[in-house]
Amino acid sequence: MLSPRAFLGYPISPLAVSLTIMLYAIIGPGILLLPMAFAPVVAWPDAASQQVAWAAAPLLFLQTLFVISLARPLGMLLRRHPRVAAWIDFVGSVAILFGGFTAVVVIAPRVPELVWLVKLMRPFNTFFRQVPEALAGTPFGALWAAPGYASTTLGDPATAWQLLSFSALLVVVLLIVWIALIGMPMRATRRLPGPRRTRVPGWFARFPANPAGAIAARSVTYWLRDPRYRAVYTVLPLALAVMLLAMWIGGVPFEIAVLVPLPILTLLLSWSTIHNDVAYDNTAVWQHVAAQTPGWADRRGRAVPVLLWGLVLLAVGIPLTVWGHGDIRVAAPLAGLCIALLFGGIGVGSIYSVRFPYAAPRPGDPAWQSPQSATSQGGVAQSVSVLLVLLAALPSLVLGAIWWIEGGVWGWLALAAGVVVGLGVLLSGLQGGGRSFDERAPELLAFTLRN
């Protein structure tokens, strides 16, 4: 078959090339498929079955032609791998053997000269007669089975015409795939998207090639490798176990106690590092200042890992909490409160870490090592930032409490309030934090060199 790429230098559309190649395939090797396509017309004696067989013949011809045309490039692609090619040969040999035995079992009883073969194959008759029945239920066997449903014996013409309609849709899908396959080699080489450089390390290859993407990739790497960030993964399960144990000792019912840990864990995750991330990532601040990285890119990039892990925590924690509580209606207010805490913690932390940074453990130090500091600004900054996050979640918490007492739509209002207020605080914090980063770049650089 002529390669479609041979027409690349001519003003011919891919659709015209596809239809031309298909026409040549029909009047060329495709003619050998005509006896197979019209075989059901001869095989079925009654008029109703022949009518369906005549309607199925062109569809059967086109379906087989398209399948062969699509299977050829797929087989060439798969045969490049020796192991896959060996499996293809094995499966093809088994299919040919099964097909031959099935044809013998079906055709031999109708030929008097092959009575001896029928007796020889009698132990396998039941098995090989089930093969056509199984294939008739597949999309590529529906056209062969359609005349049988229209026969006077079965008497189900509606099913026959439904199979024809389904097969016609399948032929259209195969035609579209065929046209797309022909059009791919005709794309100009200069329009093909260039691959990312293979030497881009780790997460940098998975984020956009811009300042925010680079900072996000570095932040995700810190969260996975830096012991100061990995401590969060240790604290969260430990905090969950301590809270549940404390409430169990205090006699709090389990269906009530199970509602408490998830909001607290969300607050810890969203607030724990981002409220002082400038101090945590102080080795990179001078690079941002020297490269004149926009503040909004710094803030958005650092917020990405917290958003990712927070959404994972909510996706796992909310269904488990609802299951432990036993009432699915609690999902809406619980989700609203947790979303407000997550977004609010990121928003407040994004602006607070730029305005009021304090000394933190240096990169590579243990997470609980207390750095030396001449002021007590760290304790004040932590307290105020936590209060601001709780203030952002207050509307959702109040509406959730009203739902707990009154029921009704208050739970959905709590969810809406959590999403709206949380997004507002998140966007405001990223925008304000970015503006403050641009304004206070010299002060931040001096702080990171001193601490």
Protein backbone atom coordinates (compact mmCIF):
# COMPACT_ATOMS: atom_id res chain seq x y z
CA MET A 1 0.00 0.00 0.00
CA LEU A 2 1.30 3.49 -0.90
CA SER A 3 2.40 5.47 2.15
CA PRO A 4 0.12 8.48 2.85
CA ARG A 5 3.23 10.55 3.52
CA ALA A 6 4.04 10.37 -0.19
CA PHE A 7 1.24 12.94 -0.75
CA LEU A 8 2.65 15.39 1.80
CA GLY A 9 4.12 17.74 -0.79
CA TYR A 10 0.90 18.05 -2.80
CA PRO A 11 -2.12 20.28 -2.07
CA ILE A 12 -4.33 17.29 -1.17
CA SER A 13 -6.25 17.13 2.09
CA PRO A 14 -5.84 14.11 4.40
CA LEU A 15 -9.55 13.32 3.93
CA ALA A 16 -9.15 13.08 0.15
CA VAL A 17 -6.07 10.89 0.53
CA SER A 18 -7.90 8.63 2.99
CA LEU A 19 -10.92 8.20 0.72
CA THR A 20 -8.68 7.56 -2.31
CA ILE A 21 -6.65 4.91 -0.51
CA MET A 22 -9.86 3.33 0.76
CA LEU A 23 -11.29 3.26 -2.79
CA TYR A 24 -8.16 1.56 -4.12
CA ALA A 25 -8.34 -0.95 -1.26
CA ILE A 26 -11.96 -1.75 -2.17
CA ILE A 27 -11.39 -2.27 -5.88
CA GLY A 28 -8.04 -3.96 -5.30
CA PRO A 29 -7.41 -6.65 -2.66
CA GLY A 30 -10.76 -5.88 -1.08
CA ILE A 31 -12.58 -7.72 -3.89
CA LEU A 32 -11.38 -10.98 -2.31
CA LEU A 33 -13.62 -10.21 0.67
CA LEU A 34 -16.84 -10.11 -1.38
CA PRO A 35 -17.52 -13.88 -1.24
CA MET A 36 -17.15 -13.78 2.53
CA ALA A 37 -19.46 -10.77 2.84
CA PHE A 38 -22.24 -12.36 0.76
CA ALA A 39 -21.86 -15.85 2.25
CA PRO A 40 -24.74 -15.30 4.74
CA VAL A 41 -27.07 -14.55 1.82
CA VAL A 42 -26.47 -18.03 0.44
CA ALA A 43 -26.37 -19.75 3.83
CA TRP A 44 -29.83 -18.68 5.03
CA PRO A 45 -32.78 -20.11 3.04
CA ASP A 46 -35.79 -18.10 4.29
CA ALA A 47 -36.69 -14.68 2.90
CA ALA A 48 -36.55 -12.77 6.20
CA SER A 49 -32.99 -13.90 6.93
CA GLN A 50 -31.88 -13.18 3.38
CA GLN A 51 -33.26 -9.66 3.60
CA VAL A 52 -31.18 -8.98 6.72
CA ALA A 53 -28.17 -10.73 5.14
CA TRP A 54 -28.37 -8.50 2.05
CA ALA A 55 -28.44 -5.43 4.32
CA ALA A 56 -25.54 -6.77 6.39
CA ALA A 57 -23.34 -7.68 3.39
CA PRO A 58 -21.94 -4.18 2.62
CA LEU A 59 -21.45 -3.47 6.32
CA LEU A 60 -19.68 -6.80 6.75
CA PHE A 61 -17.45 -6.03 3.76
CA LEU A 62 -16.50 -2.55 5.03
CA GLN A 63 -16.04 -3.73 8.61
CA THR A 64 -13.67 -6.51 7.60
CA LEU A 65 -11.76 -4.21 5.26
CA PHE A 66 -11.30 -1.54 7.94
CA VAL A 67 -10.27 -4.07 10.57
CA ILE A 68 -7.62 -5.53 8.27
CA SER A 69 -6.40 -2.06 7.29
CA LEU A 70 -6.10 -0.97 10.90
CA ALA A 71 -4.61 -4.26 12.09
CA ARG A 72 -1.75 -4.05 9.58
CA PRO A 73 -0.02 -0.91 11.00
CA LEU A 74 -0.82 -2.05 14.55
CA GLY A 75 0.83 -5.39 13.91
CA MET A 76 3.88 -3.70 12.36
CA LEU A 77 4.18 -1.50 15.43
CA LEU A 78 3.86 -4.37 17.92
CA ARG A 79 6.22 -6.67 16.04
CA ARG A 80 9.10 -4.35 16.73
CA HIS A 81 9.32 -6.00 20.16
CA PRO A 82 10.48 -9.64 19.94
CA ARG A 83 8.48 -10.89 22.92
CA VAL A 84 5.28 -9.26 21.71
CA ALA A 85 5.87 -10.69 18.23
CA ALA A 86 6.24 -14.19 19.71
CA TRP A 87 2.95 -13.83 21.58
CA ILE A 88 1.25 -12.56 18.42
CA ASP A 89 2.42 -15.65 16.53
CA PHE A 90 1.21 -17.94 19.31
CA VAL A 91 -2.22 -16.31 19.62
CA GLY A 92 -2.60 -16.25 15.83
CA SER A 93 -1.78 -19.95 15.54
CA VAL A 94 -4.28 -20.83 18.27
CA ALA A 95 -6.96 -18.68 16.59
CA ILE A 96 -6.37 -20.37 13.22
CA LEU A 97 -6.62 -23.84 14.79
CA PHE A 98 -9.80 -22.99 16.66
CA GLY A 99 -11.26 -21.38 13.57
CA GLY A 100 -10.50 -24.44 11.46
CA PHE A 101 -11.98 -26.88 13.97
CA THR A 102 -15.06 -24.69 14.39
CA ALA A 103 -15.62 -24.54 10.62
CA VAL A 104 -15.30 -28.33 10.40
CA VAL A 105 -17.81 -28.89 13.22
CA VAL A 106 -20.33 -26.48 11.68
CA ILE A 107 -19.97 -27.45 8.00
CA ALA A 108 -19.24 -31.19 8.14
CA PRO A 109 -22.79 -32.30 9.19
CA ARG A 110 -24.18 -30.72 6.01
CA VAL A 111 -21.86 -32.68 3.69
CA PRO A 112 -22.73 -36.43 3.39
CA GLU A 113 -19.19 -37.35 2.38
CA LEU A 114 -17.87 -36.06 5.70
CA VAL A 115 -19.97 -38.26 8.00
CA TRP A 116 -16.83 -40.02 9.25
CA LEU A 117 -15.34 -36.65 10.20
CA VAL A 118 -18.48 -35.79 12.15
CA LYS A 119 -18.16 -39.00 14.16
CA LEU A 120 -14.48 -38.33 14.77
CA MET A 121 -15.16 -34.81 16.05
CA ARG A 122 -18.23 -35.76 18.10
CA PRO A 123 -16.46 -35.40 21.52
CA PHE A 124 -15.59 -31.81 20.62
CA ASN A 125 -18.89 -30.80 19.01
CA THR A 126 -20.35 -29.12 22.07
CA PHE A 127 -17.27 -27.04 22.75
CA PHE A 128 -16.70 -25.86 19.19
CA ARG A 129 -20.38 -25.09 18.65
CA GLN A 130 -20.22 -22.70 21.59
CA VAL A 131 -17.43 -20.71 19.94
CA PRO A 132 -19.69 -19.14 17.26
CA GLU A 133 -22.30 -18.36 19.91
CA ALA A 134 -19.70 -16.55 21.99
CA LEU A 135 -18.36 -14.65 18.98
CA ALA A 136 -21.90 -13.64 17.99
CA GLY A 137 -22.10 -11.54 21.14
CA THR A 138 -19.05 -9.45 20.20
CA PRO A 139 -19.20 -6.29 18.04
CA PHE A 140 -17.37 -8.05 15.20
CA GLY A 141 -19.72 -11.04 15.21
CA ALA A 142 -23.01 -9.16 15.29
CA LEU A 143 -23.35 -8.98 11.50
CA TRP A 144 -22.94 -12.74 11.20
CA ALA A 145 -25.57 -13.34 13.87
CA ALA A 146 -28.13 -10.81 12.62
CA PRO A 147 -29.69 -13.03 9.87
CA GLY A 148 -30.14 -15.82 12.40
CA TYR A 149 -32.30 -13.62 14.61
CA ALA A 150 -34.50 -12.75 11.62
CA SER A 151 -35.06 -16.38 10.63
CA THR A 152 -38.48 -17.93 10.97
CA THR A 153 -37.15 -20.33 13.61
CA LEU A 154 -36.04 -17.70 16.13
CA GLY A 155 -38.48 -15.01 15.07
CA ASP A 156 -36.77 -11.93 16.58
CA PRO A 157 -36.37 -9.45 13.69
CA ALA A 158 -36.18 -6.44 16.03
CA THR A 159 -32.93 -7.75 17.52
CA ALA A 160 -31.57 -8.37 14.03
CA TRP A 161 -32.11 -4.78 12.95
CA GLN A 162 -30.70 -3.50 16.23
CA LEU A 163 -27.53 -5.47 15.55
CA LEU A 164 -27.38 -3.94 12.08
CA SER A 165 -27.73 -0.43 13.52
CA PHE A 166 -25.01 -1.11 16.08
CA SER A 167 -22.72 -2.54 13.40
CA ALA A 168 -23.32 0.48 11.15
CA LEU A 169 -22.20 2.73 14.02
CA LEU A 170 -19.12 0.55 14.49
CA VAL A 171 -18.27 0.90 10.79
CA VAL A 172 -18.51 4.70 11.10
CA VAL A 173 -16.16 4.63 14.11
CA LEU A 174 -13.69 2.45 12.22
CA LEU A 175 -13.86 4.85 9.27
CA ILE A 176 -13.07 7.82 11.52
CA VAL A 177 -10.15 5.96 13.06
CA TRP A 178 -8.96 5.02 9.57
CA ILE A 179 -9.06 8.66 8.39
CA ALA A 180 -7.21 9.78 11.54
CA LEU A 181 -4.58 7.09 11.03
CA ILE A 182 -4.05 8.19 7.43
CA GLY A 183 -3.90 11.85 8.42
CA MET A 184 -1.24 11.43 11.12
CA PRO A 185 1.69 10.78 8.73
CA MET A 186 0.59 13.75 6.64
CA ARG A 187 1.19 16.23 9.43
CA ALA A 188 4.11 18.53 8.73
CA THR A 189 7.16 17.70 10.81
CA ARG A 190 7.53 21.30 11.96
CA ARG A 191 4.08 21.15 13.55
CA LEU A 192 4.84 18.12 15.67
CA PRO A 193 5.17 19.09 19.35
CA GLY A 194 8.74 18.93 20.55
CA PRO A 195 9.34 16.60 23.51
CA ARG A 196 10.57 17.95 26.83
CA ARG A 197 14.27 17.57 27.34
CA THR A 198 15.11 14.14 28.64
CA ARG A 199 17.64 15.55 31.09
CA VAL A 200 15.05 17.56 33.06
CA PRO A 201 15.27 15.97 36.52
CA GLY A 202 12.41 14.65 38.63
CA TRP A 203 9.36 16.82 39.16
CA PHE A 204 10.68 19.64 36.96
CA ALA A 205 9.66 17.60 33.92
CA ARG A 206 6.08 17.33 35.23
CA PHE A 207 5.40 21.04 35.78
CA PRO A 208 5.22 23.93 33.30
CA ALA A 209 8.50 25.49 32.25
CA ASN A 210 7.87 28.84 33.97
CA PRO A 211 8.86 30.40 37.31
CA ALA A 212 5.78 29.13 39.18
CA GLY A 213 6.22 25.62 37.77
CA ALA A 214 9.91 25.51 38.72
CA ILE A 215 9.16 26.64 42.28
CA ALA A 216 6.31 24.14 42.53
CA ALA A 217 8.58 21.30 41.37
CA ARG A 218 11.25 22.25 43.89
CA SER A 219 8.65 22.54 46.67
CA VAL A 220 7.22 19.10 45.89
CA THR A 221 10.75 17.70 45.97
CA TYR A 222 11.29 19.26 49.40
CA TRP A 223 8.05 17.76 50.69
CA LEU A 224 9.22 14.32 49.60
CA ARG A 225 12.89 14.50 50.66
CA ASP A 226 13.44 17.17 53.31
CA PRO A 227 13.11 15.75 56.87
CA ARG A 228 11.51 19.01 58.02
CA TYR A 229 8.60 18.47 55.64
CA ARG A 230 8.46 14.69 56.04
CA ALA A 231 7.79 15.24 59.72
CA VAL A 232 4.27 16.28 58.73
CA TYR A 233 3.58 12.74 57.51
CA THR A 234 4.63 11.44 60.94
CA VAL A 235 2.64 13.96 62.92
CA LEU A 236 -0.68 13.50 61.12
CA PRO A 237 -1.22 9.77 61.86
CA LEU A 238 0.12 10.26 65.39
CA ALA A 239 -2.24 13.17 65.99
CA LEU A 240 -5.16 11.13 64.66
CA ALA A 241 -4.41 8.25 67.04
CA VAL A 242 -3.91 10.55 70.05
CA MET A 243 -7.16 12.44 69.46
CA LEU A 244 -9.26 9.31 69.03
CA LEU A 245 -7.65 7.71 72.08
CA ALA A 246 -8.20 10.80 74.22
CA MET A 247 -11.87 11.05 73.27
CA TRP A 248 -12.37 7.33 73.81
CA ILE A 249 -10.91 7.65 77.31
CA GLY A 250 -13.13 10.67 77.90
CA GLY A 251 -16.24 8.67 76.99
CA VAL A 252 -17.10 10.56 73.79
CA PRO A 253 -19.24 8.39 71.48
CA PHE A 254 -17.35 7.16 68.45
CA GLU A 255 -19.81 8.62 65.94
CA ILE A 256 -19.12 12.07 67.47
CA ALA A 257 -15.40 11.62 68.07
CA VAL A 258 -14.76 10.59 64.47
CA LEU A 259 -15.83 14.05 63.26
CA VAL A 260 -13.04 15.87 65.12
CA PRO A 261 -9.72 14.60 63.68
CA LEU A 262 -10.12 15.48 59.98
CA PRO A 263 -10.58 19.28 60.42
CA ILE A 264 -7.64 19.39 62.84
CA LEU A 265 -5.45 17.35 60.51
CA THR A 266 -6.40 19.65 57.62
CA LEU A 267 -5.46 22.68 59.71
CA LEU A 268 -2.12 21.14 60.65
CA LEU A 269 -1.31 20.24 57.05
CA SER A 270 -2.25 23.60 55.54
CA TRP A 271 -0.68 25.70 58.29
CA SER A 272 2.34 23.69 59.46
CA THR A 273 4.97 24.82 56.94
CA ILE A 274 3.51 27.36 54.55
CA HIS A 275 3.00 30.02 57.23
CA ASN A 276 6.82 30.24 57.46
CA ASP A 277 7.90 28.81 54.10
CA VAL A 278 10.28 31.70 53.37
CA ALA A 279 12.37 30.66 56.37
CA TYR A 280 12.08 26.97 55.49
CA ASP A 281 13.23 27.58 51.91
CA ASN A 282 15.70 30.35 52.71
CA THR A 283 18.42 28.92 50.46
CA ALA A 284 16.36 29.75 47.37
CA VAL A 285 15.19 33.25 48.31
CA TRP A 286 18.39 34.90 47.09
CA GLN A 287 17.96 33.15 43.72
CA HIS A 288 14.43 34.52 43.40
CA VAL A 289 15.59 38.02 44.32
CA ALA A 290 18.58 37.90 41.98
CA ALA A 291 16.51 36.56 39.08
CA GLN A 292 13.71 39.06 39.81
CA THR A 293 11.18 36.26 40.07
CA PRO A 294 7.66 37.69 40.39
CA GLY A 295 6.24 37.40 43.88
CA TRP A 296 3.01 35.82 42.66
CA ALA A 297 5.03 33.02 41.02
CA ASP A 298 6.85 32.37 44.31
CA ARG A 299 3.61 32.25 46.29
CA ARG A 300 1.70 30.05 43.84
CA GLY A 301 4.59 27.64 43.37
CA ARG A 302 5.06 27.09 47.10
CA ALA A 303 1.31 26.51 47.58
CA VAL A 304 1.15 23.63 45.07
CA PRO A 305 2.40 20.76 47.30
CA VAL A 306 0.16 21.82 50.19
CA LEU A 307 -2.83 21.88 47.84
CA LEU A 308 -1.94 18.45 46.43
CA TRP A 309 -1.50 16.72 49.78
CA GLY A 310 -4.49 18.56 51.24
CA LEU A 311 -6.81 17.43 48.47
CA VAL A 312 -5.54 13.86 48.86
CA LEU A 313 -6.21 14.07 52.60
CA LEU A 314 -9.77 15.30 52.02
CA ALA A 315 -10.44 12.74 49.28
CA VAL A 316 -9.49 9.93 51.68
CA GLY A 317 -10.58 11.43 54.98
CA ILE A 318 -14.10 12.65 54.17
CA PRO A 319 -15.44 9.23 53.02
CA LEU A 320 -13.81 7.51 56.01
CA THR A 321 -15.24 10.08 58.41
CA VAL A 322 -18.72 9.75 56.92
CA TRP A 323 -18.46 5.97 57.13
CA GLY A 324 -17.40 6.16 60.78
CA HIS A 325 -20.18 8.63 61.63
CA GLY A 326 -22.84 6.60 59.84
CA ASP A 327 -24.78 9.51 58.26
CA ILE A 328 -23.91 10.62 54.75
CA ARG A 329 -25.59 14.00 55.31
CA VAL A 330 -22.61 15.10 57.39
CA ALA A 331 -20.40 15.04 54.28
CA ALA A 332 -21.48 18.49 53.04
CA PRO A 333 -20.79 20.54 56.22
CA LEU A 334 -17.65 18.52 56.94
CA ALA A 335 -16.32 19.14 53.43
CA GLY A 336 -17.13 22.85 53.70
CA LEU A 337 -15.25 23.19 56.99
CA CYS A 338 -12.20 21.24 55.75
CA ILE A 339 -12.05 23.14 52.44
CA ALA A 340 -12.20 26.45 54.33
CA LEU A 341 -9.37 25.31 56.62
CA LEU A 342 -7.27 24.08 53.71
CA PHE A 343 -7.70 27.11 51.45
CA GLY A 344 -7.69 29.52 54.37
CA GLY A 345 -4.49 28.04 55.79
CA ILE A 346 -2.72 28.36 52.45
CA GLY A 347 -4.01 31.90 51.88
CA VAL A 348 -3.15 33.17 55.37
CA GLY A 349 0.20 31.37 55.36
CA SER A 350 1.14 32.75 51.93
CA ILE A 351 0.91 36.34 53.07
CA TYR A 352 1.94 35.79 56.70
CA SER A 353 5.23 34.05 55.85
CA VAL A 354 6.30 37.08 53.82
CA ARG A 355 5.22 39.71 56.31
CA PHE A 356 6.30 38.00 59.55
CA PRO A 357 8.94 35.29 58.96
CA TYR A 358 10.77 33.86 61.94
CA ALA A 359 13.74 31.54 62.40
CA ALA A 360 13.14 27.92 61.39
CA PRO A 361 15.27 24.74 61.22
CA ARG A 362 17.81 24.99 58.45
CA PRO A 363 17.67 22.65 55.43
CA GLY A 364 18.84 19.18 56.39
CA ASP A 365 18.31 19.72 60.15
CA PRO A 366 15.85 17.61 62.13
CA ALA A 367 12.31 18.98 62.06
CA TRP A 368 12.15 19.44 65.83
CA GLN A 369 15.50 21.17 66.27
CA SER A 370 14.79 24.58 67.78
CA PRO A 371 16.85 27.34 66.11
CA GLN A 372 18.33 30.17 68.13
CA SER A 373 16.41 33.42 67.88
CA ALA A 374 16.80 36.75 69.66
CA THR A 375 13.04 37.47 69.70
CA SER A 376 9.83 35.64 70.50
CA GLN A 377 8.25 36.64 67.21
CA GLY A 378 7.81 32.98 66.21
CA GLY A 379 5.30 32.18 68.95
CA VAL A 380 3.27 35.33 68.27
CA ALA A 381 3.30 34.69 64.52
CA GLN A 382 2.11 31.12 64.97
CA SER A 383 -0.72 32.09 67.31
CA VAL A 384 -2.02 34.94 65.17
CA SER A 385 -1.83 32.95 61.93
CA VAL A 386 -3.79 30.06 63.46
CA LEU A 387 -6.45 32.48 64.68
CA LEU A 388 -6.78 33.99 61.21
CA VAL A 389 -7.22 30.53 59.64
CA LEU A 390 -9.91 29.68 62.19
CA LEU A 391 -11.58 33.00 61.43
CA ALA A 392 -11.69 32.07 57.73
CA ALA A 393 -13.40 28.79 58.61
CA LEU A 394 -15.83 30.40 61.09
CA PRO A 395 -18.76 30.92 58.63
CA SER A 396 -18.70 27.29 57.58
CA LEU A 397 -18.36 26.17 61.20
CA VAL A 398 -21.35 28.28 62.30
CA LEU A 399 -23.55 27.06 59.45
CA GLY A 400 -22.47 23.49 60.17
CA ALA A 401 -23.49 23.91 63.83
CA ILE A 402 -26.89 25.23 62.74
CA TRP A 403 -27.29 22.19 60.48
CA TRP A 404 -26.41 19.93 63.41
CA ILE A 405 -29.29 21.47 65.37
CA GLU A 406 -31.87 22.26 62.69
CA GLY A 407 -30.96 20.02 59.72
CA GLY A 408 -32.27 20.98 56.29
CA VAL A 409 -30.23 22.89 53.74
CA TRP A 410 -27.86 24.40 56.28
CA GLY A 411 -25.33 21.68 55.52
CA TRP A 412 -25.16 22.68 51.87
CA LEU A 413 -24.90 26.33 52.88
CA ALA A 414 -21.95 25.37 55.08
CA LEU A 415 -20.32 23.69 52.08
CA ALA A 416 -20.93 26.74 49.87
CA ALA A 417 -19.62 29.10 52.54
CA GLY A 418 -16.49 27.01 53.01
CA VAL A 419 -15.74 26.97 49.29
CA VAL A 420 -16.47 30.67 48.69
CA VAL A 421 -14.72 32.03 51.76
CA GLY A 422 -11.82 29.58 51.40
CA LEU A 423 -11.25 30.50 47.75
CA GLY A 424 -11.48 34.18 48.59
CA VAL A 425 -8.86 33.89 51.33
CA LEU A 426 -6.66 31.69 49.12
CA LEU A 427 -6.69 34.07 46.15
CA SER A 428 -6.30 37.14 48.34
CA GLY A 429 -3.43 35.55 50.24
CA LEU A 430 -1.58 34.54 47.06
CA GLN A 431 -2.06 37.97 45.54
CA GLY A 432 -1.17 39.87 48.70
CA GLY A 433 1.73 37.58 49.48
CA GLY A 434 3.14 38.04 45.99
CA ARG A 435 2.88 41.82 46.26
CA SER A 436 4.55 41.78 49.68
CA PHE A 437 7.33 39.54 48.36
CA ASP A 438 8.10 42.08 45.63
CA GLU A 439 8.06 44.97 48.10
CA ARG A 440 10.06 43.31 50.87
CA ALA A 441 12.59 41.38 48.77
CA PRO A 442 15.66 43.11 50.36
CA GLU A 443 14.35 42.57 53.89
CA LEU A 444 13.58 38.91 53.14
CA LEU A 445 17.05 38.43 51.69
CA ALA A 446 18.62 39.95 54.82
CA PHE A 447 16.45 37.75 57.04
CA THR A 448 17.42 34.56 55.25
CA LEU A 449 21.13 35.45 55.44
CA ARG A 450 20.81 36.15 59.16
CA ASN A 451 18.70 33.09 60.01
